[in-house]
C-alpha atoms as a PDB file:
ATOM      1  CA  MET A   1      86.537 118.766  79.749  1.00  0.00           C
ATOM      2  CA  LYS A   2      83.571 116.400  79.558  1.00  0.00           C
ATOM      3  CA  LYS A   3      82.863 114.267  82.600  1.00  0.00           C
ATOM      4  CA  LEU A   4      83.384 110.648  81.609  1.00  0.00           C
ATOM      5  CA  THR A   5      80.619 108.186  82.340  1.00  0.00           C
ATOM      6  CA  SER A   6      81.446 104.821  83.885  1.00  0.00           C
ATOM      7  CA  PRO A   7      80.307 102.208  81.363  1.00  0.00           C
ATOM      8  CA  VAL A   8      78.695  98.836  81.869  1.00  0.00           C
ATOM      9  CA  GLY A   9      80.573  95.898  80.336  1.00  0.00           C
ATOM     10  CA  HIS A  10      84.272  95.237  79.889  1.00  0.00           C
ATOM     11  CA  ARG A  11      86.615  97.864  81.288  1.00  0.00           C
ATOM     12  CA  LEU A  12      90.377  98.253  81.354  1.00  0.00           C
ATOM     13  CA  GLY A  13      92.586 100.466  83.464  1.00  0.00           C
ATOM     14  CA  LEU A  14      96.130 101.010  82.142  1.00  0.00           C
ATOM     15  CA  ASP A  15      99.146 102.885  83.447  1.00  0.00           C
ATOM     16  CA  GLU A  16     102.918 102.995  83.195  1.00  0.00           C
ATOM     17  CA  ASN A  17     105.575 102.899  85.880  1.00  0.00           C
ATOM     18  CA  GLY A  18     109.145 103.992  85.208  1.00  0.00           C
ATOM     19  CA  LEU A  19     108.755 106.289  82.212  1.00  0.00           C
ATOM     20  CA  GLY A  20     111.549 108.690  83.160  1.00  0.00           C
ATOM     21  CA  PRO A  21     114.145 106.952  85.395  1.00  0.00           C
ATOM     22  CA  ARG A  22     117.837 106.567  84.746  1.00  0.00           C
ATOM     23  CA  LEU A  23     117.915 102.830  85.529  1.00  0.00           C
ATOM     24  CA  GLY A  24     115.479  99.952  85.386  1.00  0.00           C
ATOM     25  CA  PRO A  25     112.580  98.967  83.146  1.00  0.00           C
ATOM     26  CA  MET A  26     109.381 100.688  82.183  1.00  0.00           C
ATOM     27  CA  ILE A  27     106.325  98.632  83.098  1.00  0.00           C
ATOM     28  CA  VAL A  28     102.980  99.102  81.351  1.00  0.00           C
ATOM     29  CA  THR A  29     100.109  97.317  83.106  1.00  0.00           C
ATOM     30  CA  ALA A  30      96.449  96.653  82.336  1.00  0.00           C
ATOM     31  CA  VAL A  31      93.742  95.467  84.745  1.00  0.00           C
ATOM     32  CA  TRP A  32      90.561  94.035  83.214  1.00  0.00           C
ATOM     33  CA  ALA A  33      87.183  94.080  84.964  1.00  0.00           C
ATOM     34  CA  GLN A  34      83.609  93.329  83.992  1.00  0.00           C
ATOM     35  CA  THR A  35      80.987  95.640  85.458  1.00  0.00           C
ATOM     36  CA  ASP A  36      77.216  95.608  85.691  1.00  0.00           C
ATOM     37  CA  GLU A  37      75.070  98.698  86.279  1.00  0.00           C
ATOM     38  CA  LYS A  38      75.762  98.602  90.010  1.00  0.00           C
ATOM     39  CA  GLY A  39      79.486  98.312  89.336  1.00  0.00           C
ATOM     40  CA  ALA A  40      79.425 101.206  86.876  1.00  0.00           C
ATOM     41  CA  ARG A  41      77.779 103.409  89.504  1.00  0.00           C
ATOM     42  CA  PHE A  42      80.285 102.278  92.126  1.00  0.00           C
ATOM     43  CA  LEU A  43      83.273 103.152  89.950  1.00  0.00           C
ATOM     44  CA  SER A  44      81.820 106.561  89.082  1.00  0.00           C
ATOM     45  CA  ARG A  45      81.851 107.619  92.743  1.00  0.00           C
ATOM     46  CA  LYS A  46      84.520 108.240  95.332  1.00  0.00           C
ATOM     47  CA  LEU A  47      85.830 104.983  96.771  1.00  0.00           C
ATOM     48  CA  PRO A  48      84.747 104.082 100.320  1.00  0.00           C
ATOM     49  CA  LYS A  49      87.263 105.134 102.962  1.00  0.00           C
ATOM     50  CA  LYS A  50      88.175 101.584 103.991  1.00  0.00           C
ATOM     51  CA  LEU A  51      88.974 100.654 100.390  1.00  0.00           C
ATOM     52  CA  SER A  52      90.697 103.932  99.514  1.00  0.00           C
ATOM     53  CA  GLN A  53      93.190 103.395 102.347  1.00  0.00           C
ATOM     54  CA  ASP A  54      94.591 100.507 100.293  1.00  0.00           C
ATOM     55  CA  LEU A  55      93.572 101.602  96.775  1.00  0.00           C
ATOM     56  CA  ASN A  56      94.700 105.033  95.710  1.00  0.00           C
ATOM     57  CA  ASP A  57      97.489 106.761  93.815  1.00  0.00           C
ATOM     58  CA  SER A  58     100.419 104.343  94.037  1.00  0.00           C
ATOM     59  CA  LYS A  59     102.811 107.230  94.765  1.00  0.00           C
ATOM     60  CA  ALA A  60     100.923 107.855  98.011  1.00  0.00           C
ATOM     61  CA  LEU A  61     100.793 104.222  99.131  1.00  0.00           C
ATOM     62  CA  VAL A  62     104.111 102.581  98.226  1.00  0.00           C
ATOM     63  CA  SER A  63     107.742 103.515  97.667  1.00  0.00           C
ATOM     64  CA  CYS A  64     110.896 101.899  96.328  1.00  0.00           C
ATOM     65  CA  ARG A  65     111.694 100.772  99.882  1.00  0.00           C
ATOM     66  CA  ASN A  66     108.232  99.473 100.800  1.00  0.00           C
ATOM     67  CA  VAL A  67     106.143  97.771  98.126  1.00  0.00           C
ATOM     68  CA  SER A  68     104.383  95.248 100.365  1.00  0.00           C
ATOM     69  CA  LEU A  69     100.909  96.674  99.683  1.00  0.00           C
ATOM     70  CA  ALA A  70     101.503  96.670  95.914  1.00  0.00           C
ATOM     71  CA  GLU A  71     102.741  93.086  96.138  1.00  0.00           C
ATOM     72  CA  ALA A  72      99.606  92.104  98.066  1.00  0.00           C
ATOM     73  CA  TRP A  73      97.400  93.565  95.320  1.00  0.00           C
ATOM     74  CA  ALA A  74      99.396  91.761  92.602  1.00  0.00           C
ATOM     75  CA  ARG A  75      99.188  88.429  94.432  1.00  0.00           C
ATOM     76  CA  GLY A  76      95.541  88.945  95.323  1.00  0.00           C
ATOM     77  CA  ILE A  77      94.429  89.747  91.787  1.00  0.00           C
ATOM     78  CA  VAL A  78      96.389  86.828  90.302  1.00  0.00           C
ATOM     79  CA  LEU A  79      94.911  84.440  92.876  1.00  0.00           C
ATOM     80  CA  HIS A  80      91.407  85.767  92.226  1.00  0.00           C
ATOM     81  CA  VAL A  81      91.511  85.573  88.429  1.00  0.00           C
ATOM     82  CA  THR A  82      93.606  82.414  87.942  1.00  0.00           C
ATOM     83  CA  GLY A  83      93.009  80.421  91.115  1.00  0.00           C
ATOM     84  CA  THR A  84      96.798  80.113  91.421  1.00  0.00           C
ATOM     85  CA  ALA A  85      98.651  81.278  94.523  1.00  0.00           C
ATOM     86  CA  PRO A  86     102.200  82.128  93.337  1.00  0.00           C
ATOM     87  CA  LYS A  87     104.856  80.614  95.567  1.00  0.00           C
ATOM     88  CA  SER A  88     107.605  83.114  94.741  1.00  0.00           C
ATOM     89  CA  PRO A  89     108.096  86.575  93.248  1.00  0.00           C
ATOM     90  CA  GLU A  90     109.472  84.938  90.087  1.00  0.00           C
ATOM     91  CA  GLU A  91     106.327  82.825  89.643  1.00  0.00           C
ATOM     92  CA  LEU A  92     104.182  85.900  90.243  1.00  0.00           C
ATOM     93  CA  LEU A  93     106.198  87.884  87.697  1.00  0.00           C
ATOM     94  CA  ARG A  94     105.762  85.187  85.051  1.00  0.00           C
ATOM     95  CA  LEU A  95     102.004  85.146  85.595  1.00  0.00           C
ATOM     96  CA  LEU A  96     101.831  88.927  85.282  1.00  0.00           C
ATOM     97  CA  CYS A  97     103.977  89.305  82.150  1.00  0.00           C
ATOM     98  CA  LEU A  98     102.247  89.294  78.788  1.00  0.00           C
ATOM     99  CA  GLU A  99     105.404  87.896  77.178  1.00  0.00           C
ATOM    100  CA  GLU A 100     106.882  84.507  77.995  1.00  0.00           C
ATOM    101  CA  ARG A 101     110.238  84.484  79.786  1.00  0.00           C
ATOM    102  CA  VAL A 102     112.028  83.157  76.695  1.00  0.00           C
ATOM    103  CA  ASP A 103     110.866  86.187  74.708  1.00  0.00           C
ATOM    104  CA  LEU A 104     111.753  88.640  77.468  1.00  0.00           C
ATOM    105  CA  VAL A 105     115.374  87.502  77.513  1.00  0.00           C
ATOM    106  CA  ALA A 106     115.744  86.685  73.820  1.00  0.00           C
ATOM    107  CA  ASP A 107     118.014  89.646  73.069  1.00  0.00           C
ATOM    108  CA  CYS A 108     119.842  89.777  76.398  1.00  0.00           C
ATOM    109  CA  PRO A 109     123.668  89.649  76.009  1.00  0.00           C
ATOM    110  CA  PRO A 110     124.975  86.557  77.875  1.00  0.00           C
ATOM    111  CA  SER A 111     127.353  88.667  79.980  1.00  0.00           C
ATOM    112  CA  THR A 112     124.466  90.776  81.253  1.00  0.00           C
ATOM    113  CA  LEU A 113     121.591  88.319  81.674  1.00  0.00           C
ATOM    114  CA  ALA A 114     122.186  87.669  85.387  1.00  0.00           C
ATOM    115  CA  GLN A 115     122.137  91.399  86.205  1.00  0.00           C
ATOM    116  CA  CYS A 116     118.462  91.677  85.329  1.00  0.00           C
ATOM    117  CA  TRP A 117     116.953  88.226  85.754  1.00  0.00           C
ATOM    118  CA  SER A 118     118.592  86.480  88.754  1.00  0.00           C
ATOM    119  CA  HIS A 119     115.894  85.711  91.323  1.00  0.00           C
ATOM    120  CA  GLU A 120     117.143  82.994  93.691  1.00  0.00           C
ATOM    121  CA  HIS A 121     117.433  85.463  96.588  1.00  0.00           C
ATOM    122  CA  GLU A 122     113.861  86.771  96.427  1.00  0.00           C
ATOM    123  CA  GLU A 123     111.060  86.376  98.956  1.00  0.00           C
ATOM    124  CA  PHE A 124     107.608  87.865  99.308  1.00  0.00           C
ATOM    125  CA  CYS A 125     107.388  90.901 101.581  1.00  0.00           C
ATOM    126  CA  ALA A 126     103.623  91.323 102.038  1.00  0.00           C
ATOM    127  CA  THR A 127     102.214  90.023 105.302  1.00  0.00           C
ATOM    128  CA  ASP A 128      99.436  87.441 105.541  1.00  0.00           C
ATOM    129  CA  GLU A 129      97.257  90.180 107.043  1.00  0.00           C
ATOM    130  CA  GLN A 130      97.833  92.448 104.041  1.00  0.00           C
ATOM    131  CA  LEU A 131      97.038  89.681 101.574  1.00  0.00           C
ATOM    132  CA  MET A 132      93.837  88.724 103.393  1.00  0.00           C
ATOM    133  CA  ARG A 133      92.796  92.378 103.550  1.00  0.00           C
ATOM    134  CA  ILE A 134      93.329  92.769  99.806  1.00  0.00           C
ATOM    135  CA  LEU A 135      91.360  89.600  99.058  1.00  0.00           C
ATOM    136  CA  GLY A 136      88.585  91.112 101.149  1.00  0.00           C
ATOM    137  CA  HIS A 137      88.692  94.262  99.030  1.00  0.00           C
ATOM    138  CA  ILE A 138      88.532  92.180  95.833  1.00  0.00           C
ATOM    139  CA  ASN A 139      85.456  90.384  97.178  1.00  0.00           C
ATOM    140  CA  THR A 140      83.908  93.760  98.044  1.00  0.00           C
ATOM    141  CA  LEU A 141      84.484  94.953  94.483  1.00  0.00           C
ATOM    142  CA  ALA A 142      82.764  91.816  93.174  1.00  0.00           C
ATOM    143  CA  GLU A 143      79.819  92.362  95.513  1.00  0.00           C
ATOM    144  CA  ARG A 144      79.552  95.936  94.232  1.00  0.00           C
ATOM    145  CA  GLY A 145      79.410  94.765  90.628  1.00  0.00           C
ATOM    146  CA  VAL A 146      83.090  95.021  89.667  1.00  0.00           C
ATOM    147  CA  GLN A 147      84.437  91.576  88.823  1.00  0.00           C
ATOM    148  CA  LEU A 148      88.197  91.535  88.218  1.00  0.00           C
ATOM    149  CA  ARG A 149      88.906  89.300  85.220  1.00  0.00           C
ATOM    150  CA  GLY A 150      92.572  89.708  84.383  1.00  0.00           C
ATOM    151  CA  VAL A 151      95.870  91.515  84.803  1.00  0.00           C
ATOM    152  CA  GLN A 152      98.853  91.617  82.410  1.00  0.00           C
ATOM    153  CA  ALA A 153     101.889  93.800  81.952  1.00  0.00           C
ATOM    154  CA  GLU A 154     104.592  94.515  79.408  1.00  0.00           C
ATOM    155  CA  VAL A 155     108.178  94.827  80.602  1.00  0.00           C
ATOM    156  CA  VAL A 156     110.102  97.286  78.437  1.00  0.00           C
ATOM    157  CA  CYS A 157     113.617  96.830  79.775  1.00  0.00           C
ATOM    158  CA  THR A 158     116.461  99.345  79.593  1.00  0.00           C
ATOM    159  CA  GLY A 159     117.999  97.505  76.638  1.00  0.00           C
ATOM    160  CA  ARG A 160     114.751  97.581  74.687  1.00  0.00           C
ATOM    161  CA  LEU A 161     114.213 101.259  75.451  1.00  0.00           C
ATOM    162  CA  ASN A 162     117.691 102.041  74.163  1.00  0.00           C
ATOM    163  CA  ASP A 163     117.108  99.908  71.067  1.00  0.00           C
ATOM    164  CA  LEU A 164     113.874 101.767  70.348  1.00  0.00           C
ATOM    165  CA  LYS A 165     115.573 105.143  70.819  1.00  0.00           C
ATOM    166  CA  ALA A 166     118.218 104.111  68.302  1.00  0.00           C
ATOM    167  CA  ARG A 167     115.392 103.418  65.857  1.00  0.00           C
ATOM    168  CA  GLY A 168     113.756 106.776  66.500  1.00  0.00           C
ATOM    169  CA  VAL A 169     111.008 105.540  68.850  1.00  0.00           C
ATOM    170  CA  HIS A 170     110.793 107.772  71.927  1.00  0.00           C
ATOM    171  CA  ARG A 171     109.916 106.285  75.325  1.00  0.00           C
ATOM    172  CA  PHE A 172     106.499 107.988  75.185  1.00  0.00           C
ATOM    173  CA  MET A 173     105.766 106.030  72.020  1.00  0.00           C
ATOM    174  CA  ALA A 174     107.059 102.833  73.615  1.00  0.00           C
ATOM    175  CA  ASP A 175     104.579 103.472  76.449  1.00  0.00           C
ATOM    176  CA  LEU A 176     101.682 104.149  74.075  1.00  0.00           C
ATOM    177  CA  HIS A 177     102.382 101.137  71.871  1.00  0.00           C
ATOM    178  CA  ALA A 178     102.601  98.831  74.888  1.00  0.00           C
ATOM    179  CA  MET A 179      99.206 100.128  76.023  1.00  0.00           C
ATOM    180  CA  GLU A 180      97.789  99.412  72.581  1.00  0.00           C
ATOM    181  CA  ARG A 181      99.091  95.839  72.598  1.00  0.00           C
ATOM    182  CA  LEU A 182      97.550  95.227  76.019  1.00  0.00           C
ATOM    183  CA  ILE A 183      94.229  96.688  74.897  1.00  0.00           C
ATOM    184  CA  LEU A 184      94.161  94.420  71.845  1.00  0.00           C
ATOM    185  CA  HIS A 185      95.096  91.426  74.012  1.00  0.00           C
ATOM    186  CA  PHE A 186      92.172  91.986  76.372  1.00  0.00           C
ATOM    187  CA  ARG A 187      89.834  92.847  73.490  1.00  0.00           C
ATOM    188  CA  ALA A 188      90.513  89.345  72.196  1.00  0.00           C
ATOM    189  CA  GLU A 189      90.027  87.875  75.680  1.00  0.00           C
ATOM    190  CA  ALA A 190      86.718  89.676  76.202  1.00  0.00           C
ATOM    191  CA  ALA A 191      85.472  88.923  72.660  1.00  0.00           C
ATOM    192  CA  GLU A 192      83.512  92.171  72.931  1.00  0.00           C
ATOM    193  CA  ALA A 193      84.234  95.873  72.605  1.00  0.00           C
ATOM    194  CA  LEU A 194      85.627  97.400  75.788  1.00  0.00           C
ATOM    195  CA  THR A 195      86.320 100.756  77.413  1.00  0.00           C
ATOM    196  CA  ALA A 196      89.962 101.432  78.279  1.00  0.00           C
ATOM    197  CA  THR A 197      91.059 104.264  80.544  1.00  0.00           C
ATOM    198  CA  CYS A 198      94.778 105.019  80.286  1.00  0.00           C
ATOM    199  CA  GLY A 199      97.035 107.384  82.132  1.00  0.00           C
ATOM    200  CA  LYS A 200      97.999 110.290  79.873  1.00  0.00           C
ATOM    201  CA  VAL A 201     101.109 109.590  77.800  1.00  0.00           C
ATOM    202  CA  GLY A 202     103.340 112.629  78.208  1.00  0.00           C
ATOM    203  CA  GLY A 203     101.722 115.865  77.085  1.00  0.00           C
ATOM    204  CA  ILE A 204     100.132 114.383  73.978  1.00  0.00           C
ATOM    205  CA  GLY A 205      96.770 115.868  73.059  1.00  0.00           C
ATOM    206  CA  LYS A 206      96.233 114.256  69.648  1.00  0.00           C
ATOM    207  CA  TYR A 207      97.143 110.568  69.640  1.00  0.00           C
ATOM    208  CA  GLY A 208      96.108 109.648  66.093  1.00  0.00           C
ATOM    209  CA  PRO A 209      99.510 110.251  64.430  1.00  0.00           C
ATOM    210  CA  PHE A 210     101.310 108.253  67.127  1.00  0.00           C
ATOM    211  CA  PHE A 211      99.250 105.057  67.261  1.00  0.00           C
ATOM    212  CA  GLY A 212     101.266 101.915  66.519  1.00  0.00           C
ATOM    213  CA  PRO A 213      99.362  98.605  66.764  1.00  0.00           C
ATOM    214  CA  LEU A 214      96.094 100.530  66.296  1.00  0.00           C
ATOM    215  CA  GLN A 215      97.413 102.493  63.312  1.00  0.00           C
ATOM    216  CA  GLY A 216      95.157 102.137  60.281  1.00  0.00           C
ATOM    217  CA  ARG A 217      92.103 100.966  62.219  1.00  0.00           C
ATOM    218  CA  LEU A 218      88.922 102.937  61.665  1.00  0.00           C
ATOM    219  CA  HIS A 219      88.335 105.340  64.547  1.00  0.00           C
ATOM    220  CA  VAL A 220      86.904 108.722  65.444  1.00  0.00           C
ATOM    221  CA  ALA A 221      88.269 111.289  67.893  1.00  0.00           C
ATOM    222  CA  LEU A 222      85.608 112.173  70.475  1.00  0.00           C
ATOM    223  CA  GLU A 223      87.733 114.692  72.360  1.00  0.00           C
ATOM    224  CA  GLU A 224      91.360 115.799  72.212  1.00  0.00           C
ATOM    225  CA  GLY A 225      93.007 117.986  74.817  1.00  0.00           C
ATOM    226  CA  GLN A 226      95.661 118.196  77.502  1.00  0.00           C
ATOM    227  CA  ALA A 227      93.324 116.943  80.239  1.00  0.00           C
ATOM    228  CA  GLN A 228      91.900 114.016  78.303  1.00  0.00           C
ATOM    229  CA  SER A 229      91.715 112.554  74.808  1.00  0.00           C
ATOM    230  CA  CYS A 230      89.046 110.041  73.805  1.00  0.00           C
ATOM    231  CA  TYR A 231      88.708 107.813  70.728  1.00  0.00           C
ATOM    232  CA  ARG A 232      86.157 105.274  69.521  1.00  0.00           C
ATOM    233  CA  PHE A 233      87.322 102.266  67.514  1.00  0.00           C
ATOM    234  CA  PRO A 234      84.290 100.324  66.203  1.00  0.00           C
ATOM    235  CA  GLU A 235      86.147  97.000  66.346  1.00  0.00           C
ATOM    236  CA  VAL A 236      87.925  97.621  69.656  1.00  0.00           C
ATOM    237  CA  GLY A 237      85.909  99.998  71.832  1.00  0.00           C
ATOM    238  CA  GLU A 238      86.541 103.349  73.470  1.00  0.00           C
ATOM    239  CA  LEU A 239      90.008 104.529  74.526  1.00  0.00           C
ATOM    240  CA  ARG A 240      90.412 107.317  77.032  1.00  0.00           C
ATOM    241  CA  PHE A 241      93.713 108.970  77.903  1.00  0.00           C
ATOM    242  CA  VAL A 242      93.144 110.881  81.132  1.00  0.00           C
ATOM    243  CA  ARG A 243      95.510 113.132  83.057  1.00  0.00           C
ATOM    244  CA  ASP A 244      96.084 111.948  86.656  1.00  0.00           C
ATOM    245  CA  ALA A 245      93.955 108.856  86.020  1.00  0.00           C
ATOM    246  CA  ASP A 246      96.015 106.971  88.614  1.00  0.00           C
ATOM    247  CA  ALA A 247      94.472 109.222  91.263  1.00  0.00           C
ATOM    248  CA  SER A 248      90.872 109.073  90.018  1.00  0.00           C
ATOM    249  CA  ASP A 249      90.118 105.754  88.283  1.00  0.00           C
ATOM    250  CA  ALA A 250      90.090 102.626  90.455  1.00  0.00           C
ATOM    251  CA  LEU A 251      91.256 100.256  87.709  1.00  0.00           C
ATOM    252  CA  VAL A 252      94.086 102.591  86.705  1.00  0.00           C
ATOM    253  CA  MET A 253      95.056 102.738  90.392  1.00  0.00           C
ATOM    254  CA  LEU A 254      95.223  98.943  90.438  1.00  0.00           C
ATOM    255  CA  ALA A 255      97.309  98.875  87.266  1.00  0.00           C
ATOM    256  CA  SER A 256      99.690 101.446  88.733  1.00  0.00           C
ATOM    257  CA  LEU A 257     100.095  99.490  91.987  1.00  0.00           C
ATOM    258  CA  VAL A 258     100.808  96.205  90.189  1.00  0.00           C
ATOM    259  CA  GLY A 259     103.224  97.926  87.809  1.00  0.00           C
ATOM    260  CA  LYS A 260     104.974  99.625  90.717  1.00  0.00           C
ATOM    261  CA  TYR A 261     105.566  96.252  92.356  1.00  0.00           C
ATOM    262  CA  MET A 262     106.956  94.757  89.158  1.00  0.00           C
ATOM    263  CA  ARG A 263     109.290  97.674  88.504  1.00  0.00           C
ATOM    264  CA  GLU A 264     110.659  97.652  92.054  1.00  0.00           C
ATOM    265  CA  LEU A 265     111.130  93.883  91.954  1.00  0.00           C
ATOM    266  CA  LEU A 266     113.175  94.134  88.758  1.00  0.00           C
ATOM    267  CA  MET A 267     115.085  97.182  90.029  1.00  0.00           C
ATOM    268  CA  HIS A 268     115.890  95.261  93.223  1.00  0.00           C
ATOM    269  CA  ARG A 269     117.376  92.471  91.088  1.00  0.00           C
ATOM    270  CA  VAL A 270     119.799  94.937  89.548  1.00  0.00           C
ATOM    271  CA  ALA A 271     120.734  96.311  92.964  1.00  0.00           C
ATOM    272  CA  HIS A 272     121.232  92.820  94.427  1.00  0.00           C
ATOM    273  CA  PHE A 273     123.528  91.833  91.570  1.00  0.00           C
ATOM    274  CA  TYR A 274     125.962  94.516  92.811  1.00  0.00           C
ATOM    275  CA  VAL A 275     125.427  93.940  96.543  1.00  0.00           C
ATOM    276  CA  ASP A 276     129.082  93.002  97.055  1.00  0.00           C
ATOM    277  CA  VAL A 277     130.265  96.448  95.956  1.00  0.00           C
ATOM    278  CA  TRP A 278     127.190  98.475  96.884  1.00  0.00           C
ATOM    279  CA  GLY A 279     126.825  96.968 100.357  1.00  0.00           C
ATOM    280  CA  PRO A 280     123.944  94.959 101.884  1.00  0.00           C
ATOM    281  CA  ASP A 281     123.007  97.795 104.236  1.00  0.00           C
ATOM    282  CA  SER A 282     123.008 100.512 101.588  1.00  0.00           C
ATOM    283  CA  PRO A 283     119.612 101.879 100.516  1.00  0.00           C
ATOM    284  CA  THR A 284     118.073 100.302  97.447  1.00  0.00           C
ATOM    285  CA  PRO A 285     118.481 102.750  94.552  1.00  0.00           C
ATOM    286  CA  SER A 286     115.193 103.947  93.060  1.00  0.00           C
ATOM    287  CA  GLY A 287     116.717 104.152  89.600  1.00  0.00           C
ATOM    288  CA  TYR A 288     115.512 107.734  89.248  1.00  0.00           C
ATOM    289  CA  HIS A 289     117.666 110.844  88.977  1.00  0.00           C
ATOM    290  CA  ASP A 290     118.576 111.153  92.654  1.00  0.00           C
ATOM    291  CA  PRO A 291     121.796 111.101  94.729  1.00  0.00           C
ATOM    292  CA  VAL A 292     121.460 107.454  95.811  1.00  0.00           C
ATOM    293  CA  THR A 293     121.070 106.281  92.228  1.00  0.00           C
ATOM    294  CA  ALA A 294     123.991 108.447  91.110  1.00  0.00           C
ATOM    295  CA  ALA A 295     126.169 106.936  93.850  1.00  0.00           C
ATOM    296  CA  PHE A 296     125.066 103.428  92.832  1.00  0.00           C
ATOM    297  CA  VAL A 297     126.040 104.058  89.196  1.00  0.00           C
ATOM    298  CA  LYS A 298     129.466 105.330  90.223  1.00  0.00           C
ATOM    299  CA  LYS A 299     130.200 102.615  92.768  1.00  0.00           C
ATOM    300  CA  THR A 300     129.300  99.752  90.405  1.00  0.00           C
ATOM    301  CA  SER A 301     131.294 101.013  87.419  1.00  0.00           C
ATOM    302  CA  LYS A 302     134.406  98.875  88.017  1.00  0.00           C
ATOM    303  CA  LYS A 303     132.445  95.665  88.449  1.00  0.00           C
ATOM    304  CA  ARG A 304     130.435  96.410  85.333  1.00  0.00           C
ATOM    305  CA  ARG A 305     133.603  96.886  83.306  1.00  0.00           C
ATOM    306  CA  ARG A 306     135.159  93.729  84.733  1.00  0.00           C
ATOM    307  CA  LEU A 307     132.068  91.614  83.932  1.00  0.00           C
ATOM    308  CA  GLU A 308     131.593  93.298  80.542  1.00  0.00           C
ATOM    309  CA  ILE A 309     128.071  94.400  81.425  1.00  0.00           C
ATOM    310  CA  VAL A 310     126.565  96.020  78.335  1.00  0.00           C
ATOM    311  CA  GLN A 311     126.066  99.689  79.190  1.00  0.00           C
ATOM    312  CA  ASP A 312     122.843  99.943  77.202  1.00  0.00           C
ATOM    313  CA  CYS A 313     121.366  97.198  79.383  1.00  0.00           C
ATOM    314  CA  PHE A 314     122.294  99.083  82.543  1.00  0.00           C
ATOM    315  CA  GLU A 315     121.532 102.752  81.938  1.00  0.00           C
ATOM    316  CA  ARG A 316     119.133 104.559  79.645  1.00  0.00           C
ATOM    317  CA  GLN A 317     120.876 106.654  77.053  1.00  0.00           C
ATOM    318  CA  PRO A 318     119.928 110.065  75.651  1.00  0.00           C
ATOM    319  CA  ALA A 319     117.665 109.899  72.620  1.00  0.00           C
ATOM    320  CA  GLU A 320     120.387 111.162  70.293  1.00  0.00           C
ATOM    321  CA  LYS A 321     122.886 108.449  71.277  1.00  0.00           C
ATOM    322  CA  LYS A 322     122.808 105.330  69.138  1.00  0.00           C
ATOM    323  CA  SER A 323     122.380 102.086  71.051  1.00  0.00           C
ATOM    324  CA  LYS A 324     125.321  99.699  70.870  1.00  0.00           C
ATOM    325  CA  ARG A 325     122.967  96.871  71.742  1.00  0.00           C
ATOM    326  CA  ALA A 326     120.816  97.681  68.707  1.00  0.00           C
ATOM    327  CA  ASP A 327     123.746  96.813  66.454  1.00  0.00           C
ATOM    328  CA  ARG A 328     123.697  93.290  67.878  1.00  0.00           C
ATOM    329  CA  VAL A 329     120.216  92.513  66.591  1.00  0.00           C
ATOM    330  CA  SER A 330     120.849  89.927  63.881  1.00  0.00           C
ATOM    331  CA  GLU A 331     118.876  89.531  60.685  1.00  0.00           C
ATOM    332  CA  ALA A 332     117.263  86.481  62.239  1.00  0.00           C
ATOM    333  CA  ALA A 333     115.955  88.710  65.016  1.00  0.00           C
ATOM    334  CA  ALA A 334     114.641  91.401  62.673  1.00  0.00           C
ATOM    335  CA  PRO A 335     110.969  90.274  62.872  1.00  0.00           C
ATOM    336  CA  GLN A 336     111.128  90.554  66.671  1.00  0.00           C
ATOM    337  CA  ALA A 337     112.684  94.003  66.373  1.00  0.00           C
ATOM    338  CA  GLN A 338     109.836  95.076  64.095  1.00  0.00           C
ATOM    339  CA  LYS A 339     107.360  93.680  66.623  1.00  0.00           C
ATOM    340  CA  GLU A 340     108.960  95.857  69.313  1.00  0.00           C
ATOM    341  CA  LEU A 341     108.491  98.928  67.150  1.00  0.00           C
ATOM    342  CA  TRP A 342     104.837  98.186  66.683  1.00  0.00           C
END
């Protein structure tokens, strides 16, 4: 495996959160930074201890029951790049999402909308001290030549994942195509070629046959393997898919932390919708394949039937099972469905 250099110019770090759970959305996040020569050198080295205590592999820093640090990073980056201090988790979520709220909920069945998008009960959990510490880290990055310029994420909800499966698009492809859309979005923002480092998508070594939004664009494969795969697109820049990038690349770490916060926020909404039957003192389900999540699924079944919650908007289905929700996509919605595929 070749050692990747840390380039000067526009850089992206991208990662997914929630690829394999039973419940909840998949979040694909990109963090955009502009680096000078000093910044490129800084990012090529091990992070200073003080910074690495708050910026590392998200799995080591936050959990489904404590996302305060991830929230602080999300709020800090948004404040830094937009000058806006979000007043609520919902406002923060809207600033982070690439899609507008109206597009996110466009295909939501009316009986199920509140399960995923109710937010009146939410409050921030990060402390003022955490937020100030993160803003200090962001200033340190700028002083070291790494200027954060943007952050955006795609929310691929359970319903969309099931729709895509019904159309033959596996979740790994949904992840890859979301990354491609984010790369193209920031390529347009930067107005220059960029270098994007992405967490590896599954065990893919050769990405060419699986590209969606980038399909058909002129490119050359620089390296293809299980550890990393690299491609150069003359009109876009260089794309790198790196195994364990969330533990080695600072911008991918940031993307993973922001995505972790978003996923847990949306998973908490689902849990809160069933608080009357689940219990306010019960642990928040992670949504993964664990005993707490299994108990949550079982205990909420009666309420879901009574409220006519669409099953495909609650739980991910096996790839071979056709999505009932997919059948509800009308001909008027067909262009949007095609957009989701690509």
